[in-house]
Amino acid sequence: MTKTRFLALVTALALLLAIPTAVFAQNARPHVFVGTVTLDGATAVDGAAVTAWIDGEQVAATNVDGGEYSLLVVSNAGFPGKTVAFKVSGANASQTILWEEGGGDIVNLTATSGSSGGGGGPGSTGAVGPRGTTGAAGAAGSAGPPGPAGPAGSDGSTGSAGSSGSTGSAGAAGSAGPAGPAGAEGDDGGGALGLIALIVAIVALLAAGGSYMMGRRA
């Protein structure tokens, strides 16, 4: 167990030395504390609070893990010449130590319940309270820029036919068309009667002509 704490302390100090000096340009280097934690004669349970106090004010906090703790005590100006006191689950530990910039110490803490007095300052921080109710919704944000144009829609259906228009006025008469082809010849008229009539007419003409000639001779 002691070897583990020693390695933890060495590791913490090595990390501090590896940090560039510029990081501590405005902050003092921390004092590292590691060790075991005993409360009421038994190893403190995991999660038990371990806090560091200087002049009645809490300056650092951590939790027990596997019966041990690791704590960094630091501020902008540091705590030169100040004594660091410790509490375990709000009970004062019997160990104290002077703060030293860049220091590192193994401090095994032992505390007894009910010894919260004399350590100065308020007790350790309590458990986190239940989550509060959800707050009211905030005001709506400003409208975003217009989105891109969507794709073209499909063609609409064909509309119904319109009503018929009024009858237009008559146009001018067109020019005469060309003569049609000659008609077919008609049938011979009269038959036998017509022929007899023609012969009678000829005979009558001849008789009339003969009478005329005889009249002139007389």
N, C-alpha and C. Protein backbone atom coordinates (compact mmCIF):
# COMPACT_ATOMS: atom_id res chain seq x y z
N MET A 1 0.83 -1.20 0.00
CA MET A 1 0.00 0.00 0.00
C MET A 1 0.87 1.26 0.00
N THR A 2 1.92 1.28 0.81
CA THR A 2 2.80 2.44 0.89
C THR A 2 3.50 2.66 -0.45
N LYS A 3 3.89 1.55 -1.09
CA LYS A 3 4.55 1.67 -2.39
C LYS A 3 3.61 2.30 -3.40
N THR A 4 2.33 1.95 -3.34
CA THR A 4 1.35 2.51 -4.28
C THR A 4 1.20 4.00 -4.07
N ARG A 5 1.12 4.42 -2.81
CA ARG A 5 1.00 5.86 -2.53
C ARG A 5 2.24 6.61 -2.97
N PHE A 6 3.39 6.00 -2.77
CA PHE A 6 4.63 6.66 -3.18
C PHE A 6 4.65 6.85 -4.70
N LEU A 7 4.23 5.82 -5.42
CA LEU A 7 4.21 5.92 -6.89
C LEU A 7 3.21 6.97 -7.35
N ALA A 8 2.07 7.05 -6.64
CA ALA A 8 1.09 8.07 -7.00
C ALA A 8 1.65 9.46 -6.81
N LEU A 9 2.36 9.65 -5.71
CA LEU A 9 2.96 10.95 -5.44
C LEU A 9 4.01 11.29 -6.48
N VAL A 10 4.87 10.33 -6.80
CA VAL A 10 5.92 10.57 -7.80
C VAL A 10 5.30 10.90 -9.15
N THR A 11 4.23 10.18 -9.50
CA THR A 11 3.56 10.44 -10.79
C THR A 11 2.98 11.85 -10.82
N ALA A 12 2.33 12.27 -9.72
CA ALA A 12 1.75 13.61 -9.67
C ALA A 12 2.82 14.68 -9.79
N LEU A 13 3.95 14.48 -9.10
CA LEU A 13 5.04 15.46 -9.18
C LEU A 13 5.64 15.50 -10.58
N ALA A 14 5.74 14.34 -11.22
CA ALA A 14 6.29 14.30 -12.57
C ALA A 14 5.40 15.06 -13.54
N LEU A 15 4.07 14.94 -13.37
CA LEU A 15 3.16 15.68 -14.23
C LEU A 15 3.29 17.17 -14.02
N LEU A 16 3.48 17.57 -12.77
CA LEU A 16 3.65 19.00 -12.50
C LEU A 16 4.91 19.54 -13.15
N LEU A 17 5.99 18.78 -13.07
CA LEU A 17 7.26 19.23 -13.67
C LEU A 17 7.18 19.25 -15.20
N ALA A 18 6.31 18.40 -15.77
CA ALA A 18 6.21 18.34 -17.22
C ALA A 18 5.41 19.49 -17.79
N ILE A 19 4.60 20.15 -16.95
CA ILE A 19 3.80 21.28 -17.43
C ILE A 19 4.72 22.46 -17.69
N PRO A 20 4.60 23.11 -18.87
CA PRO A 20 5.49 24.26 -19.18
C PRO A 20 5.37 25.35 -18.13
N THR A 21 6.47 26.04 -17.90
CA THR A 21 6.52 27.12 -16.91
C THR A 21 5.50 28.21 -17.22
N ALA A 22 5.18 28.40 -18.53
CA ALA A 22 4.24 29.46 -18.92
C ALA A 22 2.88 29.27 -18.29
N VAL A 23 2.51 28.00 -18.00
CA VAL A 23 1.21 27.73 -17.39
C VAL A 23 1.13 28.36 -16.02
N PHE A 24 2.25 28.43 -15.29
CA PHE A 24 2.28 28.98 -13.95
C PHE A 24 2.75 30.43 -13.92
N ALA A 25 2.66 31.10 -15.10
CA ALA A 25 3.13 32.48 -15.14
C ALA A 25 2.34 33.36 -14.19
N GLN A 26 1.02 33.05 -14.00
CA GLN A 26 0.20 33.85 -13.11
C GLN A 26 -0.34 33.02 -11.96
N ASN A 27 -0.03 31.74 -11.87
CA ASN A 27 -0.52 30.87 -10.81
C ASN A 27 0.65 30.19 -10.10
N ALA A 28 0.52 30.09 -8.79
CA ALA A 28 1.54 29.36 -8.04
C ALA A 28 1.40 27.86 -8.31
N ARG A 29 2.52 27.13 -8.28
CA ARG A 29 2.46 25.69 -8.47
C ARG A 29 1.77 25.03 -7.27
N PRO A 30 0.98 23.99 -7.49
CA PRO A 30 0.22 23.38 -6.39
C PRO A 30 1.09 22.52 -5.47
N HIS A 31 0.57 22.30 -4.28
CA HIS A 31 1.16 21.36 -3.34
C HIS A 31 0.31 20.09 -3.43
N VAL A 32 0.96 18.94 -3.69
CA VAL A 32 0.26 17.68 -3.90
C VAL A 32 0.29 16.86 -2.61
N PHE A 33 -0.90 16.33 -2.24
CA PHE A 33 -1.02 15.46 -1.08
C PHE A 33 -1.66 14.14 -1.50
N VAL A 34 -1.10 13.02 -1.06
CA VAL A 34 -1.66 11.70 -1.29
C VAL A 34 -1.53 10.90 0.00
N GLY A 35 -2.36 9.83 0.13
CA GLY A 35 -2.25 8.99 1.31
C GLY A 35 -3.50 8.17 1.53
N THR A 36 -3.52 7.45 2.63
CA THR A 36 -4.68 6.64 2.99
C THR A 36 -5.66 7.49 3.78
N VAL A 37 -6.91 6.99 3.90
CA VAL A 37 -7.95 7.72 4.62
C VAL A 37 -8.63 6.75 5.57
N THR A 38 -8.63 7.10 6.88
CA THR A 38 -9.27 6.29 7.91
C THR A 38 -10.30 7.13 8.63
N LEU A 39 -11.50 6.58 8.76
CA LEU A 39 -12.58 7.29 9.46
C LEU A 39 -13.16 6.36 10.52
N ASP A 40 -13.14 6.82 11.77
CA ASP A 40 -13.65 6.03 12.90
C ASP A 40 -12.95 4.68 12.99
N GLY A 41 -11.65 4.66 12.75
CA GLY A 41 -10.86 3.46 12.89
C GLY A 41 -10.96 2.49 11.73
N ALA A 42 -11.68 2.80 10.69
CA ALA A 42 -11.82 1.91 9.53
C ALA A 42 -11.49 2.68 8.25
N THR A 43 -11.09 1.93 7.25
CA THR A 43 -10.79 2.56 5.96
C THR A 43 -12.03 3.26 5.42
N ALA A 44 -11.87 4.50 5.03
CA ALA A 44 -13.02 5.27 4.52
C ALA A 44 -13.55 4.62 3.24
N VAL A 45 -14.88 4.68 3.09
CA VAL A 45 -15.52 4.07 1.92
C VAL A 45 -15.25 4.92 0.68
N ASP A 46 -15.34 4.26 -0.46
CA ASP A 46 -15.16 4.98 -1.72
C ASP A 46 -16.22 6.08 -1.84
N GLY A 47 -15.80 7.23 -2.32
CA GLY A 47 -16.70 8.36 -2.49
C GLY A 47 -16.75 9.29 -1.31
N ALA A 48 -16.16 8.91 -0.17
CA ALA A 48 -16.15 9.80 0.99
C ALA A 48 -15.39 11.08 0.64
N ALA A 49 -15.90 12.22 1.08
CA ALA A 49 -15.30 13.51 0.73
C ALA A 49 -14.05 13.77 1.56
N VAL A 50 -12.99 14.22 0.90
CA VAL A 50 -11.76 14.66 1.55
C VAL A 50 -11.56 16.11 1.15
N THR A 51 -11.50 17.01 2.12
CA THR A 51 -11.36 18.44 1.82
C THR A 51 -10.15 19.01 2.54
N ALA A 52 -9.58 20.07 1.94
CA ALA A 52 -8.43 20.77 2.53
C ALA A 52 -8.87 22.17 2.91
N TRP A 53 -8.39 22.66 4.07
CA TRP A 53 -8.82 23.96 4.61
C TRP A 53 -7.61 24.79 5.01
N ILE A 54 -7.71 26.10 4.73
CA ILE A 54 -6.67 27.05 5.16
C ILE A 54 -7.39 28.28 5.70
N ASP A 55 -7.09 28.66 6.92
CA ASP A 55 -7.69 29.82 7.58
C ASP A 55 -9.22 29.75 7.55
N GLY A 56 -9.76 28.55 7.76
CA GLY A 56 -11.21 28.40 7.85
C GLY A 56 -11.93 28.36 6.53
N GLU A 57 -11.21 28.33 5.40
CA GLU A 57 -11.85 28.29 4.10
C GLU A 57 -11.44 27.02 3.35
N GLN A 58 -12.40 26.41 2.69
CA GLN A 58 -12.10 25.21 1.91
C GLN A 58 -11.34 25.61 0.64
N VAL A 59 -10.20 24.97 0.41
CA VAL A 59 -9.36 25.33 -0.73
C VAL A 59 -9.21 24.20 -1.75
N ALA A 60 -9.65 22.99 -1.41
CA ALA A 60 -9.56 21.88 -2.36
C ALA A 60 -10.45 20.75 -1.87
N ALA A 61 -10.88 19.88 -2.80
CA ALA A 61 -11.74 18.75 -2.44
C ALA A 61 -11.53 17.61 -3.41
N THR A 62 -11.73 16.38 -2.90
CA THR A 62 -11.64 15.18 -3.74
C THR A 62 -12.46 14.09 -3.06
N ASN A 63 -12.38 12.85 -3.58
CA ASN A 63 -13.13 11.74 -3.01
C ASN A 63 -12.21 10.54 -2.81
N VAL A 64 -12.54 9.73 -1.81
CA VAL A 64 -11.76 8.53 -1.52
C VAL A 64 -11.98 7.50 -2.63
N ASP A 65 -10.90 6.85 -3.03
CA ASP A 65 -10.97 5.80 -4.05
C ASP A 65 -10.04 4.68 -3.61
N GLY A 66 -10.62 3.52 -3.29
CA GLY A 66 -9.79 2.41 -2.84
C GLY A 66 -9.11 2.66 -1.52
N GLY A 67 -9.71 3.49 -0.67
CA GLY A 67 -9.15 3.79 0.64
C GLY A 67 -8.07 4.85 0.60
N GLU A 68 -7.83 5.49 -0.53
CA GLU A 68 -6.78 6.50 -0.64
C GLU A 68 -7.34 7.76 -1.30
N TYR A 69 -6.54 8.82 -1.28
CA TYR A 69 -6.94 10.08 -1.88
C TYR A 69 -5.74 10.73 -2.57
N SER A 70 -6.03 11.69 -3.43
CA SER A 70 -5.00 12.51 -4.07
C SER A 70 -5.58 13.91 -4.21
N LEU A 71 -4.84 14.91 -3.74
CA LEU A 71 -5.40 16.25 -3.64
C LEU A 71 -4.37 17.29 -4.05
N LEU A 72 -4.80 18.28 -4.83
CA LEU A 72 -3.95 19.41 -5.22
C LEU A 72 -4.47 20.66 -4.53
N VAL A 73 -3.60 21.38 -3.84
CA VAL A 73 -3.97 22.62 -3.15
C VAL A 73 -3.20 23.75 -3.82
N VAL A 74 -3.94 24.68 -4.44
CA VAL A 74 -3.29 25.74 -5.21
C VAL A 74 -4.22 26.94 -5.31
N SER A 75 -3.64 28.10 -5.59
CA SER A 75 -4.39 29.32 -5.89
C SER A 75 -3.48 30.21 -6.73
N ASN A 76 -3.98 31.36 -7.14
CA ASN A 76 -3.17 32.25 -7.96
C ASN A 76 -1.87 32.64 -7.25
N ALA A 77 -1.99 33.04 -6.01
CA ALA A 77 -0.80 33.48 -5.27
C ALA A 77 -0.22 32.40 -4.37
N GLY A 78 -0.94 31.27 -4.25
CA GLY A 78 -0.47 30.22 -3.36
C GLY A 78 -0.80 30.55 -1.91
N PHE A 79 -0.29 29.70 -1.00
CA PHE A 79 -0.54 29.89 0.44
C PHE A 79 0.78 29.80 1.22
N PRO A 80 1.75 30.66 0.91
CA PRO A 80 3.04 30.56 1.60
C PRO A 80 2.90 30.79 3.11
N GLY A 81 3.49 29.87 3.90
CA GLY A 81 3.48 29.99 5.35
C GLY A 81 2.17 29.58 6.00
N LYS A 82 1.18 29.11 5.22
CA LYS A 82 -0.11 28.75 5.77
C LYS A 82 -0.16 27.25 6.08
N THR A 83 -0.96 26.90 7.11
CA THR A 83 -1.13 25.51 7.50
C THR A 83 -2.38 24.93 6.83
N VAL A 84 -2.22 23.73 6.27
CA VAL A 84 -3.33 23.04 5.61
C VAL A 84 -3.90 22.02 6.58
N ALA A 85 -5.23 22.13 6.83
CA ALA A 85 -5.95 21.15 7.65
C ALA A 85 -6.84 20.31 6.73
N PHE A 86 -7.23 19.13 7.18
CA PHE A 86 -8.01 18.22 6.34
C PHE A 86 -9.26 17.76 7.08
N LYS A 87 -10.31 17.44 6.29
CA LYS A 87 -11.53 16.85 6.82
C LYS A 87 -11.89 15.62 5.99
N VAL A 88 -12.49 14.63 6.66
CA VAL A 88 -12.96 13.43 5.99
C VAL A 88 -14.45 13.31 6.27
N SER A 89 -15.27 13.44 5.24
CA SER A 89 -16.74 13.43 5.39
C SER A 89 -17.19 14.42 6.45
N GLY A 90 -16.54 15.59 6.50
CA GLY A 90 -16.89 16.65 7.43
C GLY A 90 -16.23 16.53 8.79
N ALA A 91 -15.58 15.41 9.10
CA ALA A 91 -14.91 15.23 10.40
C ALA A 91 -13.45 15.68 10.28
N ASN A 92 -12.96 16.40 11.28
CA ASN A 92 -11.59 16.90 11.25
C ASN A 92 -10.59 15.74 11.32
N ALA A 93 -9.59 15.79 10.40
CA ALA A 93 -8.48 14.85 10.48
C ALA A 93 -7.45 15.39 11.46
N SER A 94 -6.73 14.53 12.10
CA SER A 94 -5.75 14.97 13.10
C SER A 94 -4.47 15.48 12.45
N GLN A 95 -4.27 15.30 11.18
CA GLN A 95 -3.04 15.70 10.51
C GLN A 95 -3.16 17.11 9.93
N THR A 96 -2.10 17.89 10.01
CA THR A 96 -1.97 19.20 9.37
C THR A 96 -0.55 19.29 8.80
N ILE A 97 -0.35 20.23 7.87
CA ILE A 97 0.96 20.38 7.25
C ILE A 97 1.07 21.76 6.64
N LEU A 98 2.28 22.32 6.60
CA LEU A 98 2.50 23.63 5.99
C LEU A 98 2.44 23.51 4.47
N TRP A 99 1.75 24.49 3.85
CA TRP A 99 1.68 24.51 2.38
C TRP A 99 3.02 24.94 1.81
N GLU A 100 3.45 24.31 0.70
CA GLU A 100 4.72 24.63 0.05
C GLU A 100 4.50 24.62 -1.46
N GLU A 101 4.88 25.69 -2.11
CA GLU A 101 4.70 25.77 -3.56
C GLU A 101 5.51 24.66 -4.25
N GLY A 102 4.82 23.88 -5.09
CA GLY A 102 5.48 22.79 -5.80
C GLY A 102 5.81 21.61 -4.93
N GLY A 103 5.30 21.58 -3.70
CA GLY A 103 5.62 20.49 -2.78
C GLY A 103 4.80 19.24 -3.06
N GLY A 104 5.19 18.14 -2.45
CA GLY A 104 4.50 16.88 -2.57
C GLY A 104 4.74 16.04 -1.32
N ASP A 105 3.66 15.61 -0.67
CA ASP A 105 3.79 14.86 0.58
C ASP A 105 2.78 13.73 0.65
N ILE A 106 3.21 12.66 1.35
CA ILE A 106 2.29 11.57 1.69
C ILE A 106 1.76 11.87 3.08
N VAL A 107 0.44 12.09 3.18
CA VAL A 107 -0.19 12.40 4.46
C VAL A 107 -1.35 11.42 4.64
N ASN A 108 -1.20 10.47 5.55
CA ASN A 108 -2.25 9.50 5.84
C ASN A 108 -3.22 10.12 6.82
N LEU A 109 -4.45 10.29 6.40
CA LEU A 109 -5.44 11.00 7.20
C LEU A 109 -6.23 10.06 8.09
N THR A 110 -6.44 10.49 9.33
CA THR A 110 -7.29 9.76 10.28
C THR A 110 -8.25 10.76 10.90
N ALA A 111 -9.54 10.41 10.92
CA ALA A 111 -10.55 11.32 11.46
C ALA A 111 -11.57 10.52 12.25
N THR A 112 -12.27 11.22 13.14
CA THR A 112 -13.31 10.61 13.97
C THR A 112 -14.59 11.42 13.81
N SER A 113 -15.70 10.73 13.56
CA SER A 113 -16.98 11.42 13.40
C SER A 113 -17.30 12.24 14.64
N GLY A 114 -17.91 13.40 14.46
CA GLY A 114 -18.26 14.27 15.57
C GLY A 114 -17.17 15.24 15.91
N SER A 115 -16.03 15.20 15.18
CA SER A 115 -14.93 16.12 15.48
C SER A 115 -14.87 17.25 14.47
N SER A 116 -16.05 17.71 14.03
CA SER A 116 -16.06 18.76 13.01
C SER A 116 -15.66 20.11 13.57
N GLY A 117 -15.75 20.30 14.90
CA GLY A 117 -15.34 21.58 15.48
C GLY A 117 -13.84 21.72 15.51
N GLY A 118 -13.36 22.93 15.53
CA GLY A 118 -11.93 23.20 15.64
C GLY A 118 -11.22 23.20 14.32
N GLY A 119 -11.85 22.69 13.29
CA GLY A 119 -11.18 22.70 11.99
C GLY A 119 -11.36 24.01 11.27
N GLY A 120 -12.34 24.79 11.73
CA GLY A 120 -12.56 26.08 11.13
C GLY A 120 -13.37 25.97 9.86
N GLY A 121 -14.21 26.98 9.68
CA GLY A 121 -14.93 27.05 8.43
C GLY A 121 -16.13 26.12 8.39
N PRO A 122 -16.91 26.21 7.38
CA PRO A 122 -18.11 25.39 7.24
C PRO A 122 -17.78 23.94 6.97
N GLY A 123 -18.79 23.07 7.08
CA GLY A 123 -18.59 21.65 6.79
C GLY A 123 -18.40 21.41 5.31
N SER A 124 -18.20 20.15 4.97
CA SER A 124 -17.98 19.79 3.57
C SER A 124 -19.25 19.96 2.76
N THR A 125 -19.09 20.06 1.51
CA THR A 125 -20.22 20.27 0.61
C THR A 125 -21.17 19.07 0.64
N GLY A 126 -22.47 19.33 0.71
CA GLY A 126 -23.45 18.26 0.75
C GLY A 126 -23.67 17.65 -0.62
N ALA A 127 -24.56 16.65 -0.62
CA ALA A 127 -24.88 15.97 -1.88
C ALA A 127 -25.63 16.90 -2.81
N VAL A 128 -25.55 16.60 -4.07
CA VAL A 128 -26.23 17.41 -5.08
C VAL A 128 -27.73 17.24 -4.94
N GLY A 129 -28.47 18.34 -4.95
CA GLY A 129 -29.92 18.29 -4.81
C GLY A 129 -30.59 17.78 -6.07
N PRO A 130 -31.90 17.52 -5.99
CA PRO A 130 -32.62 17.03 -7.17
C PRO A 130 -32.67 18.08 -8.27
N ARG A 131 -32.83 17.61 -9.44
CA ARG A 131 -32.86 18.51 -10.61
C ARG A 131 -34.11 19.36 -10.59
N GLY A 132 -33.96 20.64 -10.88
CA GLY A 132 -35.10 21.54 -10.89
C GLY A 132 -35.99 21.32 -12.10
N THR A 133 -37.16 21.97 -12.06
CA THR A 133 -38.09 21.84 -13.17
C THR A 133 -37.55 22.56 -14.41
N THR A 134 -38.02 22.11 -15.55
CA THR A 134 -37.59 22.71 -16.82
C THR A 134 -38.09 24.14 -16.92
N GLY A 135 -37.22 25.04 -17.32
CA GLY A 135 -37.60 26.44 -17.47
C GLY A 135 -38.50 26.66 -18.68
N ALA A 136 -39.09 27.86 -18.75
CA ALA A 136 -39.96 28.19 -19.87
C ALA A 136 -39.16 28.25 -21.16
N ALA A 137 -39.86 27.97 -22.26
CA ALA A 137 -39.20 28.00 -23.57
C ALA A 137 -38.74 29.41 -23.90
N GLY A 138 -37.58 29.52 -24.51
CA GLY A 138 -37.08 30.82 -24.91
C GLY A 138 -37.83 31.37 -26.11
N ALA A 139 -37.57 32.64 -26.41
CA ALA A 139 -38.21 33.28 -27.56
C ALA A 139 -37.75 32.62 -28.85
N ALA A 140 -38.64 32.65 -29.84
CA ALA A 140 -38.31 32.04 -31.13
C ALA A 140 -37.16 32.81 -31.79
N GLY A 141 -36.26 32.07 -32.41
CA GLY A 141 -35.15 32.71 -33.11
C GLY A 141 -35.60 33.36 -34.41
N SER A 142 -34.72 34.16 -34.98
CA SER A 142 -35.05 34.83 -36.24
C SER A 142 -35.17 33.81 -37.36
N ALA A 143 -35.93 34.18 -38.40
CA ALA A 143 -36.16 33.27 -39.53
C ALA A 143 -34.86 33.05 -40.29
N GLY A 144 -34.66 31.84 -40.72
CA GLY A 144 -33.47 31.51 -41.50
C GLY A 144 -33.62 31.95 -42.95
N PRO A 145 -32.56 31.87 -43.72
CA PRO A 145 -32.63 32.26 -45.14
C PRO A 145 -33.54 31.32 -45.91
N PRO A 146 -34.11 31.79 -47.06
CA PRO A 146 -35.01 30.93 -47.85
C PRO A 146 -34.29 29.67 -48.31
N GLY A 147 -35.01 28.57 -48.35
CA GLY A 147 -34.46 27.32 -48.85
C GLY A 147 -34.43 27.29 -50.37
N PRO A 148 -33.77 26.33 -50.95
CA PRO A 148 -33.70 26.23 -52.42
C PRO A 148 -35.06 25.93 -53.01
N ALA A 149 -35.26 26.29 -54.30
CA ALA A 149 -36.54 26.05 -54.98
C ALA A 149 -36.79 24.56 -55.11
N GLY A 150 -38.04 24.16 -54.93
CA GLY A 150 -38.40 22.75 -55.07
C GLY A 150 -38.54 22.36 -56.54
N PRO A 151 -38.68 21.07 -56.83
CA PRO A 151 -38.82 20.61 -58.22
C PRO A 151 -40.12 21.08 -58.83
N ALA A 152 -40.18 21.14 -60.18
CA ALA A 152 -41.37 21.57 -60.89
C ALA A 152 -42.51 20.58 -60.66
N GLY A 153 -43.73 21.08 -60.54
CA GLY A 153 -44.88 20.20 -60.35
C GLY A 153 -45.28 19.52 -61.64
N SER A 154 -46.13 18.50 -61.55
CA SER A 154 -46.59 17.77 -62.74
C SER A 154 -47.62 18.61 -63.50
N ASP A 155 -47.83 18.29 -64.84
CA ASP A 155 -48.80 19.02 -65.66
C ASP A 155 -50.21 18.86 -65.12
N GLY A 156 -51.00 19.92 -65.19
CA GLY A 156 -52.39 19.84 -64.76
C GLY A 156 -53.26 19.15 -65.80
N SER A 157 -54.49 18.79 -65.44
CA SER A 157 -55.40 18.12 -66.36
C SER A 157 -55.94 19.11 -67.38
N THR A 158 -56.39 18.59 -68.57
CA THR A 158 -56.93 19.42 -69.65
C THR A 158 -58.23 20.07 -69.23
N GLY A 159 -58.39 21.35 -69.52
CA GLY A 159 -59.61 22.05 -69.15
C GLY A 159 -60.78 21.66 -70.06
N SER A 160 -62.04 21.99 -69.69
CA SER A 160 -63.23 21.67 -70.49
C SER A 160 -63.30 22.56 -71.72
N ALA A 161 -64.01 22.04 -72.80
CA ALA A 161 -64.12 22.78 -74.08
C ALA A 161 -64.97 24.03 -73.89
N GLY A 162 -64.59 25.11 -74.57
CA GLY A 162 -65.37 26.33 -74.50
C GLY A 162 -66.65 26.25 -75.32
N SER A 163 -67.58 27.20 -75.15
CA SER A 163 -68.85 27.21 -75.90
C SER A 163 -68.59 27.56 -77.37
N SER A 164 -69.52 27.06 -78.30
CA SER A 164 -69.37 27.31 -79.75
C SER A 164 -69.57 28.78 -80.06
N GLY A 165 -68.79 29.29 -81.02
CA GLY A 165 -68.94 30.67 -81.44
C GLY A 165 -70.15 30.86 -82.36
N SER A 166 -70.59 32.13 -82.61
CA SER A 166 -71.74 32.42 -83.50
C SER A 166 -71.38 32.16 -84.96
N THR A 167 -72.45 31.89 -85.83
CA THR A 167 -72.24 31.59 -87.26
C THR A 167 -71.73 32.82 -87.98
N GLY A 168 -70.73 32.67 -88.80
CA GLY A 168 -70.18 33.78 -89.55
C GLY A 168 -71.08 34.17 -90.74
N SER A 169 -70.90 35.41 -91.31
CA SER A 169 -71.70 35.88 -92.45
C SER A 169 -71.30 35.13 -93.72
N ALA A 170 -72.31 35.07 -94.74
CA ALA A 170 -72.08 34.34 -96.00
C ALA A 170 -71.00 35.02 -96.81
N GLY A 171 -70.17 34.25 -97.43
CA GLY A 171 -69.13 34.82 -98.27
C GLY A 171 -69.66 35.23 -99.64
N ALA A 172 -68.86 36.00 -100.45
CA ALA A 172 -69.26 36.45 -101.82
C ALA A 172 -69.37 35.25 -102.76
N ALA A 173 -70.26 35.43 -103.84
CA ALA A 173 -70.45 34.33 -104.81
C ALA A 173 -69.15 34.07 -105.55
N GLY A 174 -68.85 32.84 -105.78
CA GLY A 174 -67.64 32.50 -106.51
C GLY A 174 -67.83 32.62 -108.02
N SER A 175 -66.78 32.65 -108.79
CA SER A 175 -66.84 32.74 -110.27
C SER A 175 -67.44 31.46 -110.85
N ALA A 176 -68.01 31.62 -112.19
CA ALA A 176 -68.67 30.47 -112.84
C ALA A 176 -67.67 29.37 -113.12
N GLY A 177 -68.10 28.20 -112.93
CA GLY A 177 -67.23 27.07 -113.17
C GLY A 177 -67.14 26.72 -114.65
N PRO A 178 -66.22 25.93 -115.08
CA PRO A 178 -66.08 25.54 -116.51
C PRO A 178 -67.29 24.72 -116.95
N ALA A 179 -67.55 24.75 -118.36
CA ALA A 179 -68.70 24.01 -118.94
C ALA A 179 -68.51 22.53 -118.73
N GLY A 180 -69.63 21.90 -118.47
CA GLY A 180 -69.58 20.46 -118.26
C GLY A 180 -69.46 19.71 -119.58
N PRO A 181 -69.15 18.49 -119.61
CA PRO A 181 -69.02 17.69 -120.84
C PRO A 181 -70.39 17.50 -121.52
N ALA A 182 -70.36 17.30 -122.87
CA ALA A 182 -71.60 17.12 -123.64
C ALA A 182 -72.36 15.90 -123.17
N GLY A 183 -73.70 16.03 -123.19
CA GLY A 183 -74.52 14.92 -122.76
C GLY A 183 -74.57 13.81 -123.81
N ALA A 184 -74.99 12.68 -123.44
CA ALA A 184 -75.13 11.54 -124.40
C ALA A 184 -76.27 11.79 -125.36
N GLU A 185 -76.14 11.26 -126.63
CA GLU A 185 -77.18 11.43 -127.64
C GLU A 185 -78.48 10.78 -127.20
N GLY A 186 -79.63 11.47 -127.55
CA GLY A 186 -80.93 10.92 -127.17
C GLY A 186 -81.38 9.82 -128.12
N ASP A 187 -82.39 9.14 -127.75
CA ASP A 187 -82.97 8.06 -128.59
C ASP A 187 -83.71 8.65 -129.80
N ASP A 188 -83.76 7.92 -130.90
CA ASP A 188 -84.49 8.37 -132.10
C ASP A 188 -85.97 8.51 -131.76
N GLY A 189 -86.58 9.63 -132.10
CA GLY A 189 -87.99 9.84 -131.78
C GLY A 189 -88.96 9.29 -132.88
N GLY A 190 -90.18 8.99 -132.57
CA GLY A 190 -91.25 8.65 -133.52
C GLY A 190 -91.34 7.22 -133.98
N GLY A 191 -90.31 6.58 -134.18
CA GLY A 191 -90.34 5.20 -134.67
C GLY A 191 -90.94 5.10 -136.07
N ALA A 192 -91.80 4.14 -136.44
CA ALA A 192 -92.42 3.91 -137.76
C ALA A 192 -93.40 5.00 -138.11
N LEU A 193 -94.13 5.51 -137.14
CA LEU A 193 -95.10 6.58 -137.41
C LEU A 193 -94.39 7.83 -137.86
N GLY A 194 -93.26 8.11 -137.25
CA GLY A 194 -92.53 9.29 -137.66
C GLY A 194 -92.05 9.16 -139.10
N LEU A 195 -91.60 8.00 -139.47
CA LEU A 195 -91.13 7.79 -140.86
C LEU A 195 -92.26 7.99 -141.86
N ILE A 196 -93.46 7.44 -141.58
CA ILE A 196 -94.62 7.60 -142.49
C ILE A 196 -94.97 9.05 -142.63
N ALA A 197 -94.95 9.81 -141.46
CA ALA A 197 -95.29 11.23 -141.50
C ALA A 197 -94.33 12.00 -142.37
N LEU A 198 -93.04 11.57 -142.28
CA LEU A 198 -92.02 12.27 -143.09
C LEU A 198 -92.27 12.04 -144.58
N ILE A 199 -92.66 10.77 -144.96
CA ILE A 199 -92.91 10.46 -146.40
C ILE A 199 -94.11 11.25 -146.88
N VAL A 200 -95.22 11.33 -146.05
CA VAL A 200 -96.42 12.07 -146.44
C VAL A 200 -96.09 13.53 -146.66
N ALA A 201 -95.24 14.07 -145.80
CA ALA A 201 -94.88 15.48 -145.94
C ALA A 201 -94.14 15.72 -147.24
N ILE A 202 -93.23 14.79 -147.56
CA ILE A 202 -92.45 14.96 -148.80
C ILE A 202 -93.37 14.89 -150.02
N VAL A 203 -94.30 13.93 -150.00
CA VAL A 203 -95.26 13.77 -151.14
C VAL A 203 -96.08 15.02 -151.28
N ALA A 204 -96.53 15.61 -150.13
CA ALA A 204 -97.35 16.80 -150.17
C ALA A 204 -96.59 17.96 -150.78
N LEU A 205 -95.32 18.03 -150.44
CA LEU A 205 -94.49 19.11 -150.98
C LEU A 205 -94.31 18.95 -152.47
N LEU A 206 -94.07 17.70 -152.86
CA LEU A 206 -93.90 17.45 -154.32
C LEU A 206 -95.19 17.77 -155.06
N ALA A 207 -96.36 17.45 -154.49
CA ALA A 207 -97.64 17.71 -155.16
C ALA A 207 -97.87 19.20 -155.27
N ALA A 208 -97.57 19.87 -154.21
CA ALA A 208 -97.74 21.31 -154.23
C ALA A 208 -96.84 21.95 -155.25
N GLY A 209 -95.62 21.39 -155.33
CA GLY A 209 -94.68 21.97 -156.28
C GLY A 209 -95.13 21.70 -157.70
N GLY A 210 -95.69 20.49 -157.98
CA GLY A 210 -96.15 20.18 -159.32
C GLY A 210 -97.31 21.03 -159.73
N SER A 211 -98.23 21.30 -158.84
CA SER A 211 -99.38 22.11 -159.13
C SER A 211 -98.92 23.52 -159.47
N TYR A 212 -98.01 23.98 -158.73
CA TYR A 212 -97.51 25.34 -158.96
C TYR A 212 -96.93 25.45 -160.36
N MET A 213 -96.14 24.44 -160.78
CA MET A 213 -95.49 24.49 -162.08
C MET A 213 -96.53 24.41 -163.20
N MET A 214 -97.51 23.59 -163.04
CA MET A 214 -98.54 23.45 -164.07
C MET A 214 -99.33 24.71 -164.15
N GLY A 215 -99.56 25.38 -163.08
CA GLY A 215 -100.30 26.62 -163.12
C GLY A 215 -99.54 27.67 -163.91
N ARG A 216 -98.33 27.71 -163.85
CA ARG A 216 -97.55 28.73 -164.55
C ARG A 216 -97.51 28.46 -166.04
N ARG A 217 -97.53 27.18 -166.43
CA ARG A 217 -97.53 26.88 -167.85
C ARG A 217 -98.84 27.24 -168.49
N ALA A 218 -99.93 27.10 -167.87
CA ALA A 218 -101.18 27.43 -168.46
C ALA A 218 -101.29 28.93 -168.68
